[in-house]
């Protein structure tokens, strides 16, 4: 039987070009993704075209991806972290 901790998300480590790594909660990262999806420079994966709002697209990215192409020589990556004492 799998340990339930495998399904816990305490936050995300976010890596972005020319920025120090950041620690964000799910709501902060989702807001960042929505803002980026509204940008002209972002290459939106075809799979996201089925969703009719940036909110739904951002949620799908959070649940199924770990990287978004945000323009030439730029990147955004996020990784789930679990905090444990």
PDB file of N, CA and C in Angstrom:
ATOM      1  N   UNK A   1       0.840  -1.181   0.000  1.00  0.00           N
ATOM      2  CA  UNK A   1       0.000   0.000   0.000  1.00  0.00           C
ATOM      3  C   UNK A   1       0.885   1.245   0.000  1.00  0.00           C
ATOM      4  N   UNK A   2       0.652   2.185  -0.925  1.00  0.00           N
ATOM      5  CA  UNK A   2       1.499   3.372  -1.005  1.00  0.00           C
ATOM      6  C   UNK A   2       1.312   4.281   0.209  1.00  0.00           C
ATOM      7  N   UNK A   3       2.371   4.954   0.544  1.00  0.00           N
ATOM      8  CA  UNK A   3       2.344   5.902   1.644  1.00  0.00           C
ATOM      9  C   UNK A   3       1.625   7.172   1.187  1.00  0.00           C
ATOM     10  N   UNK A   4       0.735   7.707   2.013  1.00  0.00           N
ATOM     11  CA  UNK A   4      -0.053   8.879   1.638  1.00  0.00           C
ATOM     12  C   UNK A   4       0.808  10.121   1.428  1.00  0.00           C
ATOM     13  N   UNK A   5       2.008  10.143   1.983  1.00  0.00           N
ATOM     14  CA  UNK A   5       2.883  11.299   1.800  1.00  0.00           C
ATOM     15  C   UNK A   5       3.263  11.495   0.334  1.00  0.00           C
ATOM     16  N   UNK A   6       3.176  10.416  -0.445  1.00  0.00           N
ATOM     17  CA  UNK A   6       3.509  10.529  -1.867  1.00  0.00           C
ATOM     18  C   UNK A   6       2.567  11.472  -2.600  1.00  0.00           C
ATOM     19  N   UNK A   7       1.404  11.718  -2.044  1.00  0.00           N
ATOM     20  CA  UNK A   7       0.403  12.543  -2.714  1.00  0.00           C
ATOM     21  C   UNK A   7       0.251  13.920  -2.077  1.00  0.00           C
ATOM     22  N   UNK A   8       1.120  14.256  -1.136  1.00  0.00           N
ATOM     23  CA  UNK A   8       1.073  15.560  -0.494  1.00  0.00           C
ATOM     24  C   UNK A   8       1.937  16.547  -1.250  1.00  0.00           C
ATOM     25  N   UNK A   9       1.454  17.774  -1.343  1.00  0.00           N
ATOM     26  CA  UNK A   9       2.219  18.852  -1.963  1.00  0.00           C
ATOM     27  C   UNK A   9       2.272  20.001  -0.970  1.00  0.00           C
ATOM     28  N   UNK A  10       3.467  20.321  -0.514  1.00  0.00           N
ATOM     29  CA  UNK A  10       3.612  21.432   0.416  1.00  0.00           C
ATOM     30  C   UNK A  10       3.930  22.729  -0.303  1.00  0.00           C
ATOM     31  N   UNK A  11       4.357  22.633  -1.524  1.00  0.00           N
ATOM     32  CA  UNK A  11       4.702  23.813  -2.302  1.00  0.00           C
ATOM     33  C   UNK A  11       5.477  23.421  -3.538  1.00  0.00           C
ATOM     34  N   UNK A  12       6.051  24.414  -4.166  1.00  0.00           N
ATOM     35  CA  UNK A  12       6.800  24.202  -5.403  1.00  0.00           C
ATOM     36  C   UNK A  12       8.091  24.999  -5.357  1.00  0.00           C
ATOM     37  N   UNK A  13       9.152  24.415  -5.870  1.00  0.00           N
ATOM     38  CA  UNK A  13      10.368  25.150  -6.165  1.00  0.00           C
ATOM     39  C   UNK A  13      10.225  25.583  -7.614  1.00  0.00           C
ATOM     40  N   UNK A  14      10.358  26.879  -7.856  1.00  0.00           N
ATOM     41  CA  UNK A  14      10.152  27.443  -9.188  1.00  0.00           C
ATOM     42  C   UNK A  14      11.481  27.974  -9.704  1.00  0.00           C
ATOM     43  N   UNK A  15      11.860  27.507 -10.880  1.00  0.00           N
ATOM     44  CA  UNK A  15      13.094  27.941 -11.536  1.00  0.00           C
ATOM     45  C   UNK A  15      12.718  28.716 -12.786  1.00  0.00           C
ATOM     46  N   UNK A  16      13.267  29.917 -12.895  1.00  0.00           N
ATOM     47  CA  UNK A  16      12.975  30.776 -14.042  1.00  0.00           C
ATOM     48  C   UNK A  16      14.278  31.387 -14.527  1.00  0.00           C
ATOM     49  N   UNK A  17      14.395  31.549 -15.827  1.00  0.00           N
ATOM     50  CA  UNK A  17      15.620  32.106 -16.391  1.00  0.00           C
ATOM     51  C   UNK A  17      15.918  33.472 -15.771  1.00  0.00           C
ATOM     52  N   UNK A  18      17.189  33.681 -15.450  1.00  0.00           N
ATOM     53  CA  UNK A  18      17.693  34.945 -14.899  1.00  0.00           C
ATOM     54  C   UNK A  18      17.049  35.341 -13.572  1.00  0.00           C
ATOM     55  N   UNK A  19      16.551  34.365 -12.812  1.00  0.00           N
ATOM     56  CA  UNK A  19      15.942  34.625 -11.507  1.00  0.00           C
ATOM     57  C   UNK A  19      16.469  33.597 -10.502  1.00  0.00           C
ATOM     58  N   UNK A  20      16.590  33.995  -9.232  1.00  0.00           N
ATOM     59  CA  UNK A  20      16.942  32.987  -8.226  1.00  0.00           C
ATOM     60  C   UNK A  20      15.763  32.042  -8.028  1.00  0.00           C
ATOM     61  N   UNK A  21      16.043  30.845  -7.546  1.00  0.00           N
ATOM     62  CA  UNK A  21      14.946  29.900  -7.316  1.00  0.00           C
ATOM     63  C   UNK A  21      13.996  30.475  -6.271  1.00  0.00           C
ATOM     64  N   UNK A  22      12.722  30.139  -6.433  1.00  0.00           N
ATOM     65  CA  UNK A  22      11.687  30.641  -5.538  1.00  0.00           C
ATOM     66  C   UNK A  22      10.893  29.476  -4.985  1.00  0.00           C
ATOM     67  N   UNK A  23      10.332  29.671  -3.801  1.00  0.00           N
ATOM     68  CA  UNK A  23       9.435  28.703  -3.216  1.00  0.00           C
ATOM     69  C   UNK A  23       8.041  29.321  -3.258  1.00  0.00           C
ATOM     70  N   UNK A  24       7.082  28.633  -3.882  1.00  0.00           N
ATOM     71  CA  UNK A  24       5.719  29.151  -4.016  1.00  0.00           C
ATOM     72  C   UNK A  24       4.718  28.097  -3.580  1.00  0.00           C
ATOM     73  N   UNK A  25       3.567  28.578  -3.108  1.00  0.00           N
ATOM     74  CA  UNK A  25       2.476  27.636  -2.861  1.00  0.00           C
ATOM     75  C   UNK A  25       1.695  27.470  -4.168  1.00  0.00           C
ATOM     76  N   UNK A  26       0.735  26.591  -4.176  1.00  0.00           N
ATOM     77  CA  UNK A  26      -0.002  26.286  -5.412  1.00  0.00           C
ATOM     78  C   UNK A  26      -0.736  27.505  -5.961  1.00  0.00           C
ATOM     79  N   UNK A  27      -1.337  28.303  -5.093  1.00  0.00           N
ATOM     80  CA  UNK A  27      -2.080  29.483  -5.546  1.00  0.00           C
ATOM     81  C   UNK A  27      -1.157  30.507  -6.191  1.00  0.00           C
ATOM     82  N   UNK A  28       0.023  30.727  -5.606  1.00  0.00           N
ATOM     83  CA  UNK A  28       0.978  31.682  -6.170  1.00  0.00           C
ATOM     84  C   UNK A  28       1.471  31.224  -7.538  1.00  0.00           C
ATOM     85  N   UNK A  29       1.790  29.938  -7.648  1.00  0.00           N
ATOM     86  CA  UNK A  29       2.269  29.419  -8.924  1.00  0.00           C
ATOM     87  C   UNK A  29       1.166  29.468  -9.977  1.00  0.00           C
ATOM     88  N   UNK A  30      -0.041  29.151  -9.597  1.00  0.00           N
ATOM     89  CA  UNK A  30      -1.152  29.199 -10.551  1.00  0.00           C
ATOM     90  C   UNK A  30      -1.356  30.622 -11.061  1.00  0.00           C
ATOM     91  N   UNK A  31      -1.272  31.608 -10.187  1.00  0.00           N
ATOM     92  CA  UNK A  31      -1.389  33.013 -10.591  1.00  0.00           C
ATOM     93  C   UNK A  31      -0.279  33.387 -11.560  1.00  0.00           C
ATOM     94  N   UNK A  32       0.939  32.939 -11.284  1.00  0.00           N
ATOM     95  CA  UNK A  32       2.066  33.212 -12.179  1.00  0.00           C
ATOM     96  C   UNK A  32       1.823  32.575 -13.545  1.00  0.00           C
ATOM     97  N   UNK A  33       1.324  31.350 -13.562  1.00  0.00           N
ATOM     98  CA  UNK A  33       1.052  30.672 -14.832  1.00  0.00           C
ATOM     99  C   UNK A  33      -0.051  31.376 -15.614  1.00  0.00           C
ATOM    100  N   UNK A  34      -1.100  31.815 -14.940  1.00  0.00           N
ATOM    101  CA  UNK A  34      -2.183  32.544 -15.619  1.00  0.00           C
ATOM    102  C   UNK A  34      -1.623  33.806 -16.259  1.00  0.00           C
ATOM    103  N   UNK A  35      -0.812  34.552 -15.523  1.00  0.00           N
ATOM    104  CA  UNK A  35      -0.216  35.773 -16.067  1.00  0.00           C
ATOM    105  C   UNK A  35       0.644  35.471 -17.290  1.00  0.00           C
ATOM    106  N   UNK A  36       1.412  34.397 -17.215  1.00  0.00           N
ATOM    107  CA  UNK A  36       2.258  34.020 -18.354  1.00  0.00           C
ATOM    108  C   UNK A  36       1.426  33.568 -19.552  1.00  0.00           C
ATOM    109  N   UNK A  37       0.342  32.857 -19.307  1.00  0.00           N
ATOM    110  CA  UNK A  37      -0.513  32.392 -20.407  1.00  0.00           C
ATOM    111  C   UNK A  37      -1.176  33.555 -21.136  1.00  0.00           C
ATOM    112  N   UNK A  38      -1.315  34.669 -20.475  1.00  0.00           N
ATOM    113  CA  UNK A  38      -1.881  35.869 -21.107  1.00  0.00           C
ATOM    114  C   UNK A  38      -0.844  36.606 -21.952  1.00  0.00           C
ATOM    115  N   UNK A  39       0.419  36.248 -21.779  1.00  0.00           N
ATOM    116  CA  UNK A  39       1.504  36.892 -22.513  1.00  0.00           C
ATOM    117  C   UNK A  39       1.583  36.379 -23.944  1.00  0.00           C
ATOM    118  N   UNK A  40       2.010  37.231 -24.839  1.00  0.00           N
ATOM    119  CA  UNK A  40       2.154  36.875 -26.259  1.00  0.00           C
ATOM    120  C   UNK A  40       3.340  35.941 -26.512  1.00  0.00           C
ATOM    121  N   UNK A  41       4.367  36.012 -25.669  1.00  0.00           N
ATOM    122  CA  UNK A  41       5.609  35.279 -25.915  1.00  0.00           C
ATOM    123  C   UNK A  41       5.528  33.798 -25.579  1.00  0.00           C
ATOM    124  N   UNK A  42       4.579  33.415 -24.778  1.00  0.00           N
ATOM    125  CA  UNK A  42       4.506  32.043 -24.284  1.00  0.00           C
ATOM    126  C   UNK A  42       3.981  31.104 -25.364  1.00  0.00           C
ATOM    127  N   UNK A  43       4.658  29.986 -25.504  1.00  0.00           N
ATOM    128  CA  UNK A  43       4.223  28.946 -26.431  1.00  0.00           C
ATOM    129  C   UNK A  43       3.332  27.992 -25.654  1.00  0.00           C
ATOM    130  N   UNK A  44       2.038  28.017 -25.948  1.00  0.00           N
ATOM    131  CA  UNK A  44       1.074  27.213 -25.215  1.00  0.00           C
ATOM    132  C   UNK A  44       1.028  25.808 -25.809  1.00  0.00           C
ATOM    133  N   UNK A  45       1.209  24.786 -24.969  1.00  0.00           N
ATOM    134  CA  UNK A  45       1.113  23.407 -25.480  1.00  0.00           C
ATOM    135  C   UNK A  45      -0.259  23.149 -26.112  1.00  0.00           C
ATOM    136  N   UNK A  46      -0.273  22.396 -27.185  1.00  0.00           N
ATOM    137  CA  UNK A  46      -1.530  22.112 -27.913  1.00  0.00           C
ATOM    138  C   UNK A  46      -2.601  21.515 -27.011  1.00  0.00           C
ATOM    139  N   UNK A  47      -2.174  20.723 -26.075  1.00  0.00           N
ATOM    140  CA  UNK A  47      -3.110  20.064 -25.165  1.00  0.00           C
ATOM    141  C   UNK A  47      -3.971  21.078 -24.401  1.00  0.00           C
ATOM    142  N   UNK A  48      -3.448  22.284 -24.202  1.00  0.00           N
ATOM    143  CA  UNK A  48      -4.181  23.297 -23.442  1.00  0.00           C
ATOM    144  C   UNK A  48      -5.260  23.997 -24.252  1.00  0.00           C
ATOM    145  N   UNK A  49      -5.247  23.828 -25.556  1.00  0.00           N
ATOM    146  CA  UNK A  49      -6.233  24.488 -26.411  1.00  0.00           C
ATOM    147  C   UNK A  49      -7.659  24.009 -26.132  1.00  0.00           C
ATOM    148  N   UNK A  50      -7.806  22.858 -25.501  1.00  0.00           N
ATOM    149  CA  UNK A  50      -9.132  22.336 -25.194  1.00  0.00           C
ATOM    150  C   UNK A  50      -9.809  23.079 -24.044  1.00  0.00           C
ATOM    151  N   UNK A  51      -9.043  23.854 -23.279  1.00  0.00           N
ATOM    152  CA  UNK A  51      -9.596  24.588 -22.141  1.00  0.00           C
ATOM    153  C   UNK A  51      -9.914  26.018 -22.564  1.00  0.00           C
ATOM    154  N   UNK A  52     -11.047  26.530 -22.119  1.00  0.00           N
ATOM    155  CA  UNK A  52     -11.501  27.832 -22.593  1.00  0.00           C
ATOM    156  C   UNK A  52     -11.110  28.991 -21.688  1.00  0.00           C
ATOM    157  N   UNK A  53     -10.325  28.759 -20.655  1.00  0.00           N
ATOM    158  CA  UNK A  53      -9.862  29.869 -19.814  1.00  0.00           C
ATOM    159  C   UNK A  53      -8.426  29.628 -19.377  1.00  0.00           C
ATOM    160  N   UNK A  54      -7.745  30.722 -19.082  1.00  0.00           N
ATOM    161  CA  UNK A  54      -6.364  30.604 -18.614  1.00  0.00           C
ATOM    162  C   UNK A  54      -6.310  29.941 -17.241  1.00  0.00           C
ATOM    163  N   UNK A  55      -7.357  30.106 -16.433  1.00  0.00           N
ATOM    164  CA  UNK A  55      -7.412  29.454 -15.118  1.00  0.00           C
ATOM    165  C   UNK A  55      -7.371  27.932 -15.267  1.00  0.00           C
ATOM    166  N   UNK A  56      -8.188  27.415 -16.174  1.00  0.00           N
ATOM    167  CA  UNK A  56      -8.214  25.962 -16.403  1.00  0.00           C
ATOM    168  C   UNK A  56      -6.906  25.482 -17.030  1.00  0.00           C
ATOM    169  N   UNK A  57      -6.354  26.275 -17.931  1.00  0.00           N
ATOM    170  CA  UNK A  57      -5.079  25.925 -18.547  1.00  0.00           C
ATOM    171  C   UNK A  57      -3.976  25.867 -17.488  1.00  0.00           C
ATOM    172  N   UNK A  58      -3.949  26.860 -16.607  1.00  0.00           N
ATOM    173  CA  UNK A  58      -2.934  26.903 -15.556  1.00  0.00           C
ATOM    174  C   UNK A  58      -3.078  25.710 -14.610  1.00  0.00           C
ATOM    175  N   UNK A  59      -4.301  25.360 -14.265  1.00  0.00           N
ATOM    176  CA  UNK A  59      -4.517  24.211 -13.383  1.00  0.00           C
ATOM    177  C   UNK A  59      -4.046  22.919 -14.047  1.00  0.00           C
ATOM    178  N   UNK A  60      -4.309  22.785 -15.347  1.00  0.00           N
ATOM    179  CA  UNK A  60      -3.850  21.604 -16.068  1.00  0.00           C
ATOM    180  C   UNK A  60      -2.318  21.555 -16.101  1.00  0.00           C
ATOM    181  N   UNK A  61      -1.695  22.698 -16.295  1.00  0.00           N
ATOM    182  CA  UNK A  61      -0.234  22.750 -16.257  1.00  0.00           C
ATOM    183  C   UNK A  61       0.283  22.299 -14.892  1.00  0.00           C
ATOM    184  N   UNK A  62      -0.314  22.811 -13.836  1.00  0.00           N
ATOM    185  CA  UNK A  62       0.108  22.428 -12.486  1.00  0.00           C
ATOM    186  C   UNK A  62      -0.010  20.927 -12.254  1.00  0.00           C
ATOM    187  N   UNK A  63      -1.089  20.355 -12.743  1.00  0.00           N
ATOM    188  CA  UNK A  63      -1.366  18.944 -12.492  1.00  0.00           C
ATOM    189  C   UNK A  63      -0.577  17.989 -13.390  1.00  0.00           C
ATOM    190  N   UNK A  64      -0.152  18.451 -14.572  1.00  0.00           N
ATOM    191  CA  UNK A  64       0.393  17.524 -15.557  1.00  0.00           C
ATOM    192  C   UNK A  64       1.748  17.895 -16.150  1.00  0.00           C
ATOM    193  N   UNK A  65       2.239  19.067 -15.905  1.00  0.00           N
ATOM    194  CA  UNK A  65       3.506  19.515 -16.492  1.00  0.00           C
ATOM    195  C   UNK A  65       4.467  19.936 -15.401  1.00  0.00           C
ATOM    196  N   UNK A  66       5.706  20.216 -15.801  1.00  0.00           N
ATOM    197  CA  UNK A  66       6.685  20.775 -14.883  1.00  0.00           C
ATOM    198  C   UNK A  66       7.486  21.882 -15.548  1.00  0.00           C
ATOM    199  N   UNK A  67       7.118  22.219 -16.805  1.00  0.00           N
ATOM    200  CA  UNK A  67       7.893  23.209 -17.544  1.00  0.00           C
ATOM    201  C   UNK A  67       6.995  23.910 -18.554  1.00  0.00           C
ATOM    202  N   UNK A  68       7.307  25.201 -18.800  1.00  0.00           N
ATOM    203  CA  UNK A  68       6.576  25.973 -19.787  1.00  0.00           C
ATOM    204  C   UNK A  68       7.575  26.800 -20.571  1.00  0.00           C
ATOM    205  N   UNK A  69       7.474  26.756 -21.884  1.00  0.00           N
ATOM    206  CA  UNK A  69       8.341  27.539 -22.761  1.00  0.00           C
ATOM    207  C   UNK A  69       7.830  28.976 -22.774  1.00  0.00           C
ATOM    208  N   UNK A  70       8.615  29.894 -22.211  1.00  0.00           N
ATOM    209  CA  UNK A  70       8.149  31.275 -22.102  1.00  0.00           C
ATOM    210  C   UNK A  70       8.893  32.234 -23.024  1.00  0.00           C
ATOM    211  N   UNK A  71       9.460  31.720 -24.096  1.00  0.00           N
ATOM    212  CA  UNK A  71      10.109  32.576 -25.078  1.00  0.00           C
ATOM    213  C   UNK A  71      11.514  32.113 -25.384  1.00  0.00           C
ATOM    214  N   UNK A  72      12.128  32.823 -26.313  1.00  0.00           N
ATOM    215  CA  UNK A  72      13.482  32.474 -26.751  1.00  0.00           C
ATOM    216  C   UNK A  72      14.464  32.552 -25.585  1.00  0.00           C
ATOM    217  N   UNK A  73      15.186  31.457 -25.364  1.00  0.00           N
ATOM    218  CA  UNK A  73      16.198  31.361 -24.306  1.00  0.00           C
ATOM    219  C   UNK A  73      15.645  31.635 -22.913  1.00  0.00           C
ATOM    220  N   UNK A  74      14.361  31.395 -22.706  1.00  0.00           N
ATOM    221  CA  UNK A  74      13.743  31.575 -21.390  1.00  0.00           C
ATOM    222  C   UNK A  74      13.041  30.280 -21.003  1.00  0.00           C
ATOM    223  N   UNK A  75      12.905  30.065 -19.714  1.00  0.00           N
ATOM    224  CA  UNK A  75      12.222  28.868 -19.253  1.00  0.00           C
ATOM    225  C   UNK A  75      11.546  29.136 -17.912  1.00  0.00           C
ATOM    226  N   UNK A  76      10.598  28.321 -17.610  1.00  0.00           N
ATOM    227  CA  UNK A  76       9.954  28.287 -16.299  1.00  0.00           C
ATOM    228  C   UNK A  76       9.744  26.818 -15.964  1.00  0.00           C
ATOM    229  N   UNK A  77      10.267  26.395 -14.837  1.00  0.00           N
ATOM    230  CA  UNK A  77      10.117  25.016 -14.387  1.00  0.00           C
ATOM    231  C   UNK A  77       9.645  25.031 -12.938  1.00  0.00           C
ATOM    232  N   UNK A  78       8.851  24.033 -12.572  1.00  0.00           N
ATOM    233  CA  UNK A  78       8.384  23.930 -11.189  1.00  0.00           C
ATOM    234  C   UNK A  78       8.399  22.476 -10.759  1.00  0.00           C
ATOM    235  N   UNK A  79       8.733  22.279  -9.503  1.00  0.00           N
ATOM    236  CA  UNK A  79       8.849  20.933  -8.949  1.00  0.00           C
ATOM    237  C   UNK A  79       8.160  20.898  -7.583  1.00  0.00           C
ATOM    238  N   UNK A  80       7.342  19.887  -7.387  1.00  0.00           N
ATOM    239  CA  UNK A  80       6.654  19.715  -6.108  1.00  0.00           C
ATOM    240  C   UNK A  80       7.674  19.399  -5.019  1.00  0.00           C
ATOM    241  N   UNK A  81       7.470  20.023  -3.863  1.00  0.00           N
ATOM    242  CA  UNK A  81       8.299  19.705  -2.706  1.00  0.00           C
ATOM    243  C   UNK A  81       7.388  19.324  -1.549  1.00  0.00           C
ATOM    244  N   UNK A  82       7.875  18.430  -0.729  1.00  0.00           N
ATOM    245  CA  UNK A  82       7.182  18.017   0.487  1.00  0.00           C
ATOM    246  C   UNK A  82       8.087  18.349   1.656  1.00  0.00           C
ATOM    247  N   UNK A  83       7.548  19.028   2.626  1.00  0.00           N
ATOM    248  CA  UNK A  83       8.319  19.403   3.800  1.00  0.00           C
ATOM    249  C   UNK A  83       7.999  18.425   4.925  1.00  0.00           C
ATOM    250  N   UNK A  84       9.037  17.975   5.573  1.00  0.00           N
ATOM    251  CA  UNK A  84       8.856  16.982   6.611  1.00  0.00           C
ATOM    252  C   UNK A  84       9.829  17.281   7.725  1.00  0.00           C
ATOM    253  N   UNK A  85       9.411  17.156   8.974  1.00  0.00           N
ATOM    254  CA  UNK A  85      10.305  17.362  10.110  1.00  0.00           C
ATOM    255  C   UNK A  85      11.077  16.109  10.406  1.00  0.00           C
TER     256      UNK A  85
END
